[in-house]
Amino acid sequence: MLSGTAANAASSGAPTILVVGDSLSAEYGIARGAGWVNLMQQTITQSGFDYNVVNASISGDTTSGGRARLTPLLERYRPAVTILELGGNDALRGIPLDLTRKNLLEMIAAARKTGSKVIVVGMRIPPNYGPDYSERFFNMFSVVARQEKTGYVPFLLAGVIEHPDWFQQDQIHPLAKAHPQILQNIWPTVKPLLKPAGKPPAKAADSRTPKSGA
């Protein structure tokens, strides 16, 4: 599902920020426009940047699903920045970490071939999946980001997971009131990659060291 300013991105000529994620970015269970992706579009505009955010997130998606649909999205939008928020459902479904890692690496490579900067968003899973697996899963994102020198947000739900009352009844999906905090986790990594309206492009910040968004 494409939401947010997808139509505007196709017509205005402004650079695009492409978000490829799962239910945590797809506004699952909350009002349309209340999620962090739409809040980021508002923050971008209010901060004087001229970018359109395309939310190509799908509830339940995995890195395999994201990899399969990424190329057409890249061809359509030619994003200046691609945010990859995928992997949580891989862990919940028991998909091998090696496959998740491979999919992330392939998505990063595909985005960069189109000239896009890339941000990898990390996730944690409950310790009941086994502390060793949970830790290896969490560390996988930082290893990929460091290896590929992408932008990096260590944990999408930092500052949220500590508040059980910020979650829907399933205790997995955040309520709308949690999404401003999610944006606070993301924005410090996104902002340095943007250029003010009318200014020449900044050097690609994701070509050096990973940036922490928490």
N, C-alpha and C. Protein backbone atom coordinates (compact mmCIF):
# COMPACT_ATOMS: atom_id res chain seq x y z
N MET A 1 0.85 -1.19 0.00
CA MET A 1 0.00 0.00 0.00
C MET A 1 0.88 1.24 0.00
N LEU A 2 0.60 2.17 -0.88
CA LEU A 2 1.30 3.44 -0.91
C LEU A 2 0.41 4.48 -0.27
N SER A 3 0.98 5.22 0.66
CA SER A 3 0.19 6.26 1.33
C SER A 3 1.06 7.48 1.53
N GLY A 4 0.54 8.43 2.28
CA GLY A 4 1.27 9.67 2.51
C GLY A 4 1.17 10.55 1.29
N THR A 5 2.32 11.01 0.79
CA THR A 5 2.32 11.96 -0.32
C THR A 5 2.75 11.32 -1.62
N ALA A 6 2.39 10.07 -1.81
CA ALA A 6 2.83 9.36 -3.01
C ALA A 6 2.42 10.08 -4.28
N ALA A 7 1.20 10.56 -4.33
CA ALA A 7 0.74 11.25 -5.53
C ALA A 7 1.52 12.53 -5.77
N ASN A 8 1.78 13.28 -4.69
CA ASN A 8 2.54 14.51 -4.82
C ASN A 8 3.97 14.23 -5.28
N ALA A 9 4.54 13.13 -4.77
CA ALA A 9 5.92 12.81 -5.14
C ALA A 9 6.04 12.57 -6.63
N ALA A 10 4.97 12.06 -7.22
CA ALA A 10 5.02 11.75 -8.65
C ALA A 10 4.83 12.98 -9.51
N SER A 11 4.34 14.09 -8.93
CA SER A 11 3.99 15.24 -9.76
C SER A 11 4.75 16.52 -9.42
N SER A 12 5.24 16.66 -8.19
CA SER A 12 5.79 17.94 -7.78
C SER A 12 7.23 18.14 -8.22
N GLY A 13 7.96 17.05 -8.44
CA GLY A 13 9.36 17.17 -8.80
C GLY A 13 10.29 17.26 -7.61
N ALA A 14 9.75 17.35 -6.39
CA ALA A 14 10.59 17.37 -5.20
C ALA A 14 11.21 16.00 -4.98
N PRO A 15 12.41 15.94 -4.37
CA PRO A 15 13.01 14.64 -4.09
C PRO A 15 12.11 13.81 -3.18
N THR A 16 12.29 12.51 -3.26
CA THR A 16 11.45 11.58 -2.51
C THR A 16 12.25 10.89 -1.41
N ILE A 17 11.60 10.70 -0.28
CA ILE A 17 12.09 9.81 0.77
C ILE A 17 11.17 8.60 0.76
N LEU A 18 11.71 7.43 0.51
CA LEU A 18 10.93 6.20 0.40
C LEU A 18 11.07 5.39 1.69
N VAL A 19 9.94 5.08 2.31
CA VAL A 19 9.92 4.25 3.51
C VAL A 19 9.38 2.88 3.14
N VAL A 20 10.20 1.86 3.31
CA VAL A 20 9.80 0.48 3.03
C VAL A 20 9.80 -0.25 4.37
N GLY A 21 8.62 -0.48 4.92
CA GLY A 21 8.53 -1.04 6.25
C GLY A 21 7.38 -2.01 6.40
N ASP A 22 7.11 -2.34 7.67
CA ASP A 22 6.03 -3.26 8.00
C ASP A 22 4.94 -2.51 8.76
N SER A 23 4.19 -3.21 9.60
CA SER A 23 3.05 -2.59 10.28
C SER A 23 3.44 -1.44 11.19
N LEU A 24 4.67 -1.42 11.68
CA LEU A 24 5.11 -0.35 12.57
C LEU A 24 5.22 0.98 11.84
N SER A 25 5.31 0.91 10.52
CA SER A 25 5.35 2.12 9.70
C SER A 25 4.08 2.32 8.88
N ALA A 26 3.23 1.29 8.83
CA ALA A 26 2.04 1.31 7.96
C ALA A 26 0.78 1.80 8.67
N GLU A 27 0.94 2.37 9.87
CA GLU A 27 -0.21 2.92 10.62
C GLU A 27 -1.23 1.85 10.97
N TYR A 28 -0.73 0.66 11.31
CA TYR A 28 -1.62 -0.43 11.70
C TYR A 28 -2.37 -0.09 12.99
N GLY A 29 -3.69 -0.14 12.92
CA GLY A 29 -4.51 0.04 14.10
C GLY A 29 -4.66 1.46 14.60
N ILE A 30 -4.14 2.43 13.86
CA ILE A 30 -4.28 3.83 14.27
C ILE A 30 -4.86 4.64 13.12
N ALA A 31 -5.28 5.86 13.41
CA ALA A 31 -5.90 6.71 12.39
C ALA A 31 -4.90 7.05 11.29
N ARG A 32 -5.41 7.12 10.07
CA ARG A 32 -4.57 7.50 8.93
C ARG A 32 -3.96 8.89 9.18
N GLY A 33 -2.66 8.98 9.00
CA GLY A 33 -1.96 10.23 9.21
C GLY A 33 -1.35 10.39 10.58
N ALA A 34 -1.64 9.43 11.50
CA ALA A 34 -1.15 9.55 12.87
C ALA A 34 0.19 8.86 13.09
N GLY A 35 0.69 8.16 12.08
CA GLY A 35 1.92 7.41 12.23
C GLY A 35 3.17 8.26 12.04
N TRP A 36 4.30 7.69 12.40
CA TRP A 36 5.56 8.44 12.39
C TRP A 36 5.95 8.89 10.98
N VAL A 37 5.57 8.13 9.95
CA VAL A 37 5.96 8.51 8.59
C VAL A 37 5.29 9.82 8.19
N ASN A 38 4.01 9.95 8.46
CA ASN A 38 3.31 11.19 8.14
C ASN A 38 3.81 12.33 9.03
N LEU A 39 4.10 12.02 10.29
CA LEU A 39 4.66 13.05 11.18
C LEU A 39 6.01 13.52 10.67
N MET A 40 6.77 12.62 10.08
CA MET A 40 8.06 13.02 9.50
C MET A 40 7.85 13.96 8.32
N GLN A 41 6.86 13.68 7.48
CA GLN A 41 6.57 14.59 6.37
C GLN A 41 6.26 15.99 6.89
N GLN A 42 5.47 16.07 7.96
CA GLN A 42 5.14 17.36 8.55
C GLN A 42 6.40 18.06 9.07
N THR A 43 7.25 17.30 9.75
CA THR A 43 8.48 17.86 10.30
C THR A 43 9.41 18.34 9.19
N ILE A 44 9.51 17.58 8.13
CA ILE A 44 10.35 17.97 6.99
C ILE A 44 9.89 19.30 6.42
N THR A 45 8.59 19.44 6.21
CA THR A 45 8.04 20.67 5.65
C THR A 45 8.24 21.84 6.60
N GLN A 46 7.96 21.61 7.88
CA GLN A 46 8.10 22.67 8.88
C GLN A 46 9.55 23.10 9.07
N SER A 47 10.48 22.20 8.75
CA SER A 47 11.91 22.50 8.91
C SER A 47 12.51 23.16 7.68
N GLY A 48 11.69 23.42 6.66
CA GLY A 48 12.16 24.13 5.49
C GLY A 48 12.77 23.27 4.40
N PHE A 49 12.56 21.96 4.48
CA PHE A 49 13.05 21.06 3.44
C PHE A 49 11.94 20.78 2.43
N ASP A 50 12.35 20.51 1.20
CA ASP A 50 11.38 20.23 0.14
C ASP A 50 11.53 18.79 -0.31
N TYR A 51 10.86 17.89 0.42
CA TYR A 51 10.88 16.47 0.11
C TYR A 51 9.48 15.91 0.24
N ASN A 52 9.17 14.92 -0.57
CA ASN A 52 7.93 14.18 -0.43
C ASN A 52 8.23 12.79 0.12
N VAL A 53 7.50 12.41 1.14
CA VAL A 53 7.68 11.10 1.75
C VAL A 53 6.66 10.12 1.17
N VAL A 54 7.14 9.02 0.66
CA VAL A 54 6.28 7.95 0.14
C VAL A 54 6.34 6.78 1.12
N ASN A 55 5.20 6.45 1.69
CA ASN A 55 5.13 5.34 2.63
C ASN A 55 4.71 4.08 1.89
N ALA A 56 5.68 3.23 1.61
CA ALA A 56 5.42 1.97 0.90
C ALA A 56 5.48 0.80 1.87
N SER A 57 4.99 1.01 3.08
CA SER A 57 5.02 -0.02 4.12
C SER A 57 3.77 -0.89 4.04
N ILE A 58 3.94 -2.16 4.35
CA ILE A 58 2.85 -3.13 4.32
C ILE A 58 2.85 -3.93 5.61
N SER A 59 1.72 -3.97 6.29
CA SER A 59 1.62 -4.75 7.52
C SER A 59 1.94 -6.22 7.25
N GLY A 60 2.75 -6.80 8.12
CA GLY A 60 3.12 -8.20 7.98
C GLY A 60 4.28 -8.47 7.05
N ASP A 61 4.84 -7.44 6.45
CA ASP A 61 5.89 -7.65 5.46
C ASP A 61 7.18 -8.13 6.11
N THR A 62 7.95 -8.88 5.36
CA THR A 62 9.26 -9.37 5.77
C THR A 62 10.33 -8.78 4.86
N THR A 63 11.58 -9.07 5.18
CA THR A 63 12.65 -8.58 4.29
C THR A 63 12.56 -9.23 2.92
N SER A 64 12.08 -10.46 2.85
CA SER A 64 11.91 -11.10 1.54
C SER A 64 10.86 -10.39 0.71
N GLY A 65 9.75 -10.01 1.37
CA GLY A 65 8.72 -9.26 0.67
C GLY A 65 9.21 -7.90 0.23
N GLY A 66 9.94 -7.23 1.12
CA GLY A 66 10.49 -5.92 0.78
C GLY A 66 11.46 -5.99 -0.37
N ARG A 67 12.31 -7.01 -0.35
CA ARG A 67 13.28 -7.16 -1.45
C ARG A 67 12.57 -7.38 -2.78
N ALA A 68 11.50 -8.17 -2.75
CA ALA A 68 10.79 -8.50 -3.99
C ALA A 68 10.10 -7.29 -4.61
N ARG A 69 9.68 -6.35 -3.78
CA ARG A 69 8.92 -5.22 -4.32
C ARG A 69 9.72 -3.92 -4.38
N LEU A 70 10.97 -3.96 -3.94
CA LEU A 70 11.74 -2.72 -3.87
C LEU A 70 12.11 -2.17 -5.25
N THR A 71 12.53 -3.02 -6.16
CA THR A 71 13.01 -2.52 -7.46
C THR A 71 11.97 -1.67 -8.19
N PRO A 72 10.71 -2.10 -8.30
CA PRO A 72 9.71 -1.23 -8.95
C PRO A 72 9.52 0.10 -8.23
N LEU A 73 9.61 0.09 -6.90
CA LEU A 73 9.48 1.33 -6.15
C LEU A 73 10.65 2.27 -6.45
N LEU A 74 11.85 1.71 -6.51
CA LEU A 74 13.02 2.53 -6.82
C LEU A 74 12.94 3.10 -8.23
N GLU A 75 12.46 2.30 -9.16
CA GLU A 75 12.32 2.77 -10.54
C GLU A 75 11.27 3.87 -10.65
N ARG A 76 10.21 3.75 -9.87
CA ARG A 76 9.13 4.73 -9.95
C ARG A 76 9.49 6.05 -9.30
N TYR A 77 10.12 5.98 -8.11
CA TYR A 77 10.31 7.20 -7.33
C TYR A 77 11.73 7.74 -7.34
N ARG A 78 12.73 6.92 -7.70
CA ARG A 78 14.12 7.38 -7.68
C ARG A 78 14.41 8.16 -6.39
N PRO A 79 14.24 7.54 -5.24
CA PRO A 79 14.32 8.27 -3.98
C PRO A 79 15.71 8.82 -3.68
N ALA A 80 15.73 9.97 -3.04
CA ALA A 80 16.99 10.52 -2.54
C ALA A 80 17.43 9.76 -1.30
N VAL A 81 16.46 9.31 -0.52
CA VAL A 81 16.72 8.56 0.71
C VAL A 81 15.76 7.38 0.76
N THR A 82 16.27 6.20 1.10
CA THR A 82 15.44 5.02 1.30
C THR A 82 15.60 4.54 2.73
N ILE A 83 14.49 4.43 3.45
CA ILE A 83 14.50 3.97 4.84
C ILE A 83 13.97 2.54 4.86
N LEU A 84 14.79 1.61 5.35
CA LEU A 84 14.42 0.20 5.42
C LEU A 84 14.05 -0.16 6.85
N GLU A 85 12.76 -0.33 7.09
CA GLU A 85 12.25 -0.70 8.42
C GLU A 85 11.60 -2.08 8.31
N LEU A 86 12.43 -3.08 8.18
CA LEU A 86 11.96 -4.46 8.01
C LEU A 86 12.86 -5.40 8.80
N GLY A 87 12.30 -6.55 9.15
CA GLY A 87 13.07 -7.57 9.86
C GLY A 87 12.34 -8.15 11.05
N GLY A 88 11.48 -7.34 11.69
CA GLY A 88 10.77 -7.83 12.86
C GLY A 88 9.92 -9.05 12.57
N ASN A 89 9.21 -9.03 11.46
CA ASN A 89 8.37 -10.18 11.12
C ASN A 89 9.19 -11.40 10.71
N ASP A 90 10.39 -11.17 10.21
CA ASP A 90 11.28 -12.30 9.93
C ASP A 90 11.53 -13.09 11.20
N ALA A 91 11.86 -12.37 12.27
CA ALA A 91 12.16 -13.03 13.54
C ALA A 91 10.93 -13.73 14.10
N LEU A 92 9.78 -13.05 14.05
CA LEU A 92 8.55 -13.64 14.59
C LEU A 92 8.16 -14.90 13.84
N ARG A 93 8.56 -15.01 12.58
CA ARG A 93 8.24 -16.19 11.77
C ARG A 93 9.36 -17.22 11.75
N GLY A 94 10.43 -16.95 12.48
CA GLY A 94 11.52 -17.91 12.55
C GLY A 94 12.36 -17.99 11.30
N ILE A 95 12.36 -16.94 10.50
CA ILE A 95 13.19 -16.92 9.28
C ILE A 95 14.66 -16.85 9.68
N PRO A 96 15.52 -17.65 9.08
CA PRO A 96 16.94 -17.65 9.46
C PRO A 96 17.56 -16.25 9.35
N LEU A 97 18.41 -15.93 10.32
CA LEU A 97 19.06 -14.62 10.32
C LEU A 97 19.88 -14.40 9.06
N ASP A 98 20.50 -15.45 8.56
CA ASP A 98 21.32 -15.30 7.35
C ASP A 98 20.50 -14.81 6.17
N LEU A 99 19.25 -15.27 6.07
CA LEU A 99 18.39 -14.83 4.97
C LEU A 99 17.97 -13.38 5.17
N THR A 100 17.63 -13.03 6.41
CA THR A 100 17.27 -11.64 6.70
C THR A 100 18.43 -10.71 6.37
N ARG A 101 19.62 -11.09 6.78
CA ARG A 101 20.81 -10.28 6.50
C ARG A 101 21.04 -10.16 4.99
N LYS A 102 20.91 -11.26 4.28
CA LYS A 102 21.10 -11.26 2.83
C LYS A 102 20.09 -10.33 2.15
N ASN A 103 18.85 -10.39 2.59
CA ASN A 103 17.83 -9.53 2.00
C ASN A 103 18.12 -8.06 2.26
N LEU A 104 18.55 -7.73 3.47
CA LEU A 104 18.89 -6.34 3.78
C LEU A 104 20.04 -5.86 2.90
N LEU A 105 21.06 -6.68 2.77
CA LEU A 105 22.20 -6.30 1.94
C LEU A 105 21.79 -6.09 0.49
N GLU A 106 20.91 -6.93 -0.02
CA GLU A 106 20.47 -6.79 -1.40
C GLU A 106 19.63 -5.53 -1.58
N MET A 107 18.81 -5.20 -0.58
CA MET A 107 18.00 -3.98 -0.67
C MET A 107 18.88 -2.74 -0.63
N ILE A 108 19.89 -2.76 0.22
CA ILE A 108 20.82 -1.63 0.29
C ILE A 108 21.52 -1.45 -1.05
N ALA A 109 21.99 -2.54 -1.62
CA ALA A 109 22.69 -2.46 -2.91
C ALA A 109 21.78 -1.94 -4.01
N ALA A 110 20.53 -2.41 -4.02
CA ALA A 110 19.59 -1.98 -5.05
C ALA A 110 19.30 -0.49 -4.94
N ALA A 111 19.11 -0.01 -3.70
CA ALA A 111 18.82 1.41 -3.51
C ALA A 111 20.01 2.26 -3.93
N ARG A 112 21.20 1.83 -3.59
CA ARG A 112 22.38 2.62 -3.93
C ARG A 112 22.64 2.67 -5.43
N LYS A 113 22.23 1.63 -6.14
CA LYS A 113 22.40 1.64 -7.59
C LYS A 113 21.61 2.77 -8.24
N THR A 114 20.55 3.21 -7.58
CA THR A 114 19.75 4.32 -8.11
C THR A 114 20.21 5.66 -7.56
N GLY A 115 21.28 5.66 -6.75
CA GLY A 115 21.80 6.90 -6.19
C GLY A 115 21.19 7.29 -4.87
N SER A 116 20.41 6.40 -4.27
CA SER A 116 19.73 6.71 -3.02
C SER A 116 20.65 6.51 -1.82
N LYS A 117 20.57 7.41 -0.86
CA LYS A 117 21.15 7.18 0.45
C LYS A 117 20.24 6.19 1.18
N VAL A 118 20.80 5.45 2.13
CA VAL A 118 20.04 4.39 2.79
C VAL A 118 20.14 4.52 4.31
N ILE A 119 19.02 4.27 4.97
CA ILE A 119 18.97 4.20 6.43
C ILE A 119 18.42 2.83 6.81
N VAL A 120 19.14 2.13 7.67
CA VAL A 120 18.69 0.85 8.21
C VAL A 120 18.13 1.09 9.61
N VAL A 121 16.91 0.61 9.84
CA VAL A 121 16.25 0.78 11.13
C VAL A 121 16.27 -0.55 11.88
N GLY A 122 16.85 -0.54 13.07
CA GLY A 122 16.97 -1.75 13.86
C GLY A 122 15.73 -2.05 14.69
N MET A 123 15.63 -3.30 15.11
CA MET A 123 14.49 -3.75 15.89
C MET A 123 14.96 -4.75 16.94
N ARG A 124 14.22 -4.84 18.02
CA ARG A 124 14.43 -5.88 19.03
C ARG A 124 13.22 -6.80 19.04
N ILE A 125 13.43 -8.03 19.51
CA ILE A 125 12.33 -8.96 19.69
C ILE A 125 12.31 -9.41 21.14
N PRO A 126 11.16 -9.90 21.63
CA PRO A 126 11.05 -10.31 23.04
C PRO A 126 12.08 -11.38 23.40
N PRO A 127 12.58 -11.34 24.64
CA PRO A 127 13.61 -12.31 25.05
C PRO A 127 13.10 -13.74 25.12
N ASN A 128 11.76 -13.93 25.08
CA ASN A 128 11.24 -15.30 25.14
C ASN A 128 11.57 -16.10 23.88
N TYR A 129 12.12 -15.43 22.86
CA TYR A 129 12.61 -16.14 21.69
C TYR A 129 14.00 -16.72 21.93
N GLY A 130 14.49 -16.50 23.14
CA GLY A 130 15.82 -16.97 23.50
C GLY A 130 16.78 -15.81 23.53
N PRO A 131 17.47 -15.59 24.66
CA PRO A 131 18.34 -14.41 24.77
C PRO A 131 19.45 -14.38 23.73
N ASP A 132 19.98 -15.54 23.38
CA ASP A 132 21.07 -15.56 22.39
C ASP A 132 20.55 -15.14 21.02
N TYR A 133 19.42 -15.71 20.60
CA TYR A 133 18.85 -15.35 19.30
C TYR A 133 18.44 -13.89 19.28
N SER A 134 17.81 -13.44 20.37
CA SER A 134 17.35 -12.05 20.43
C SER A 134 18.51 -11.08 20.28
N GLU A 135 19.62 -11.39 20.93
CA GLU A 135 20.79 -10.51 20.86
C GLU A 135 21.43 -10.55 19.48
N ARG A 136 21.52 -11.72 18.90
CA ARG A 136 22.10 -11.83 17.56
C ARG A 136 21.23 -11.10 16.53
N PHE A 137 19.91 -11.19 16.71
CA PHE A 137 18.99 -10.47 15.82
C PHE A 137 19.21 -8.97 15.93
N PHE A 138 19.25 -8.45 17.15
CA PHE A 138 19.45 -7.02 17.36
C PHE A 138 20.78 -6.55 16.78
N ASN A 139 21.83 -7.31 17.03
CA ASN A 139 23.17 -6.92 16.57
C ASN A 139 23.31 -6.99 15.05
N MET A 140 22.49 -7.81 14.40
CA MET A 140 22.58 -7.96 12.95
C MET A 140 22.42 -6.62 12.24
N PHE A 141 21.50 -5.78 12.71
CA PHE A 141 21.24 -4.50 12.05
C PHE A 141 22.46 -3.59 12.12
N SER A 142 23.09 -3.53 13.30
CA SER A 142 24.26 -2.65 13.45
C SER A 142 25.43 -3.17 12.62
N VAL A 143 25.58 -4.48 12.54
CA VAL A 143 26.66 -5.05 11.73
C VAL A 143 26.46 -4.71 10.26
N VAL A 144 25.23 -4.87 9.78
CA VAL A 144 24.93 -4.54 8.38
C VAL A 144 25.17 -3.05 8.12
N ALA A 145 24.68 -2.20 9.02
CA ALA A 145 24.83 -0.76 8.83
C ALA A 145 26.29 -0.34 8.84
N ARG A 146 27.06 -0.94 9.75
CA ARG A 146 28.49 -0.60 9.82
C ARG A 146 29.23 -1.12 8.58
N GLN A 147 28.91 -2.34 8.20
CA GLN A 147 29.57 -2.93 7.03
C GLN A 147 29.29 -2.14 5.76
N GLU A 148 28.04 -1.71 5.61
CA GLU A 148 27.63 -1.02 4.39
C GLU A 148 27.72 0.50 4.51
N LYS A 149 28.08 0.98 5.70
CA LYS A 149 28.22 2.42 5.95
C LYS A 149 26.93 3.17 5.60
N THR A 150 25.82 2.66 6.09
CA THR A 150 24.53 3.32 5.91
C THR A 150 24.20 4.16 7.13
N GLY A 151 23.17 4.99 7.00
CA GLY A 151 22.58 5.57 8.18
C GLY A 151 21.97 4.46 9.02
N TYR A 152 21.87 4.70 10.32
CA TYR A 152 21.46 3.61 11.22
C TYR A 152 20.66 4.15 12.40
N VAL A 153 19.49 3.58 12.61
CA VAL A 153 18.67 3.84 13.79
C VAL A 153 18.68 2.55 14.61
N PRO A 154 19.31 2.53 15.79
CA PRO A 154 19.49 1.28 16.52
C PRO A 154 18.20 0.55 16.87
N PHE A 155 17.18 1.30 17.32
CA PHE A 155 15.96 0.63 17.77
C PHE A 155 14.77 1.55 17.53
N LEU A 156 13.88 1.14 16.65
CA LEU A 156 12.74 1.97 16.28
C LEU A 156 11.89 2.35 17.48
N LEU A 157 11.75 1.44 18.43
CA LEU A 157 10.83 1.65 19.55
C LEU A 157 11.54 2.09 20.83
N ALA A 158 12.74 2.63 20.71
CA ALA A 158 13.42 3.17 21.89
C ALA A 158 12.56 4.26 22.53
N GLY A 159 12.42 4.20 23.85
CA GLY A 159 11.60 5.18 24.54
C GLY A 159 10.11 4.88 24.47
N VAL A 160 9.75 3.84 23.74
CA VAL A 160 8.35 3.43 23.61
C VAL A 160 8.11 2.12 24.35
N ILE A 161 9.03 1.19 24.19
CA ILE A 161 8.87 -0.15 24.74
C ILE A 161 8.72 -0.13 26.26
N GLU A 162 9.22 0.94 26.89
CA GLU A 162 9.14 1.04 28.35
C GLU A 162 7.75 1.41 28.84
N HIS A 163 6.84 1.72 27.93
CA HIS A 163 5.50 2.18 28.29
C HIS A 163 4.44 1.21 27.76
N PRO A 164 4.04 0.21 28.53
CA PRO A 164 3.03 -0.74 28.06
C PRO A 164 1.72 -0.08 27.65
N ASP A 165 1.41 1.06 28.28
CA ASP A 165 0.15 1.74 27.96
C ASP A 165 0.24 2.53 26.65
N TRP A 166 1.38 2.50 25.99
CA TRP A 166 1.52 3.14 24.68
C TRP A 166 1.27 2.15 23.55
N PHE A 167 0.87 0.93 23.90
CA PHE A 167 0.67 -0.10 22.89
C PHE A 167 -0.79 -0.50 22.79
N GLN A 168 -1.14 -1.00 21.61
CA GLN A 168 -2.47 -1.56 21.42
C GLN A 168 -2.60 -2.84 22.23
N GLN A 169 -3.78 -3.43 22.24
CA GLN A 169 -4.04 -4.59 23.09
C GLN A 169 -3.10 -5.75 22.81
N ASP A 170 -2.60 -5.85 21.58
CA ASP A 170 -1.70 -6.97 21.26
C ASP A 170 -0.31 -6.79 21.85
N GLN A 171 -0.04 -5.60 22.42
CA GLN A 171 1.27 -5.28 23.02
C GLN A 171 2.41 -5.40 22.00
N ILE A 172 2.08 -5.28 20.74
CA ILE A 172 3.09 -5.29 19.67
C ILE A 172 3.08 -3.97 18.90
N HIS A 173 1.88 -3.50 18.58
CA HIS A 173 1.75 -2.31 17.74
C HIS A 173 1.50 -1.07 18.59
N PRO A 174 2.29 -0.02 18.41
CA PRO A 174 2.13 1.20 19.21
C PRO A 174 0.84 1.94 18.90
N LEU A 175 0.33 2.61 19.92
CA LEU A 175 -0.78 3.53 19.74
C LEU A 175 -0.27 4.80 19.06
N ALA A 176 -1.21 5.63 18.63
CA ALA A 176 -0.84 6.88 17.96
C ALA A 176 0.04 7.76 18.86
N LYS A 177 -0.22 7.74 20.17
CA LYS A 177 0.53 8.62 21.07
C LYS A 177 2.01 8.24 21.17
N ALA A 178 2.37 7.05 20.71
CA ALA A 178 3.77 6.63 20.73
C ALA A 178 4.54 7.11 19.51
N HIS A 179 3.84 7.48 18.45
CA HIS A 179 4.53 7.76 17.19
C HIS A 179 5.38 9.03 17.19
N PRO A 180 5.04 10.07 17.97
CA PRO A 180 5.99 11.19 18.06
C PRO A 180 7.35 10.77 18.61
N GLN A 181 7.36 9.84 19.58
CA GLN A 181 8.63 9.34 20.10
C GLN A 181 9.37 8.52 19.04
N ILE A 182 8.63 7.72 18.27
CA ILE A 182 9.26 6.97 17.19
C ILE A 182 9.92 7.92 16.21
N LEU A 183 9.24 9.01 15.87
CA LEU A 183 9.84 10.00 14.98
C LEU A 183 11.10 10.58 15.59
N GLN A 184 11.10 10.83 16.89
CA GLN A 184 12.31 11.35 17.55
C GLN A 184 13.48 10.38 17.40
N ASN A 185 13.18 9.09 17.34
CA ASN A 185 14.24 8.10 17.14
C ASN A 185 14.79 8.14 15.72
N ILE A 186 13.92 8.45 14.76
CA ILE A 186 14.28 8.41 13.35
C ILE A 186 14.90 9.72 12.86
N TRP A 187 14.33 10.83 13.26
CA TRP A 187 14.64 12.13 12.67
C TRP A 187 16.11 12.52 12.74
N PRO A 188 16.82 12.30 13.86
CA PRO A 188 18.24 12.70 13.89
C PRO A 188 19.10 11.99 12.85
N THR A 189 18.65 10.86 12.36
CA THR A 189 19.40 10.15 11.31
C THR A 189 18.98 10.61 9.92
N VAL A 190 17.73 11.01 9.78
CA VAL A 190 17.23 11.47 8.48
C VAL A 190 17.70 12.88 8.17
N LYS A 191 17.60 13.78 9.13
CA LYS A 191 17.83 15.20 8.88
C LYS A 191 19.18 15.50 8.22
N PRO A 192 20.30 14.90 8.67
CA PRO A 192 21.59 15.22 8.05
C PRO A 192 21.69 14.82 6.58
N LEU A 193 20.80 13.95 6.12
CA LEU A 193 20.84 13.53 4.72
C LEU A 193 20.06 14.45 3.80
N LEU A 194 19.35 15.41 4.36
CA LEU A 194 18.50 16.30 3.57
C LEU A 194 19.23 17.59 3.24
N LYS A 195 18.82 18.22 2.16
CA LYS A 195 19.38 19.51 1.78
C LYS A 195 18.27 20.55 1.81
N PRO A 196 18.57 21.75 2.30
CA PRO A 196 17.55 22.80 2.31
C PRO A 196 17.05 23.09 0.91
N ALA A 197 15.82 23.52 0.82
CA ALA A 197 15.23 23.84 -0.48
C ALA A 197 16.07 24.89 -1.19
N GLY A 198 16.41 24.63 -2.45
CA GLY A 198 17.16 25.58 -3.25
C GLY A 198 18.65 25.52 -3.07
N LYS A 199 19.14 24.60 -2.20
CA LYS A 199 20.58 24.48 -1.99
C LYS A 199 21.12 23.25 -2.74
N PRO A 200 22.42 23.25 -3.08
CA PRO A 200 22.99 22.08 -3.73
C PRO A 200 22.97 20.88 -2.78
N PRO A 201 22.95 19.67 -3.31
CA PRO A 201 22.89 18.48 -2.47
C PRO A 201 24.10 18.39 -1.54
N ALA A 202 23.83 17.91 -0.31
CA ALA A 202 24.91 17.66 0.63
C ALA A 202 25.62 16.37 0.26
N LYS A 203 26.85 16.21 0.75
CA LYS A 203 27.55 14.96 0.51
C LYS A 203 26.80 13.84 1.21
N ALA A 204 26.87 12.64 0.66
CA ALA A 204 26.13 11.50 1.21
C ALA A 204 26.67 11.14 2.57
N ALA A 205 25.90 11.43 3.63
CA ALA A 205 26.35 11.15 4.98
C ALA A 205 26.41 9.67 5.27
N ASP A 206 25.69 8.86 4.48
CA ASP A 206 25.68 7.44 4.76
C ASP A 206 26.91 6.72 4.21
N SER A 207 27.86 7.48 3.64
CA SER A 207 29.05 6.85 3.09
C SER A 207 30.19 6.80 4.09
N ARG A 208 29.90 7.26 5.31
CA ARG A 208 30.96 7.26 6.31
C ARG A 208 30.59 6.34 7.47
N THR A 209 30.15 6.88 8.57
CA THR A 209 29.88 6.04 9.73
C THR A 209 28.40 6.01 10.03
N PRO A 210 27.90 4.89 10.61
CA PRO A 210 26.49 4.81 10.96
C PRO A 210 26.10 5.89 11.94
N LYS A 211 24.88 6.39 11.79
CA LYS A 211 24.38 7.42 12.69
C LYS A 211 23.35 6.81 13.61
N SER A 212 23.40 7.17 14.87
CA SER A 212 22.43 6.66 15.83
C SER A 212 21.22 7.57 15.87
N GLY A 213 20.02 6.96 15.82
CA GLY A 213 18.80 7.75 15.88
C GLY A 213 18.14 7.68 17.23
N ALA A 214 18.74 6.95 18.21
CA ALA A 214 18.09 6.81 19.51
C ALA A 214 18.62 7.84 20.47
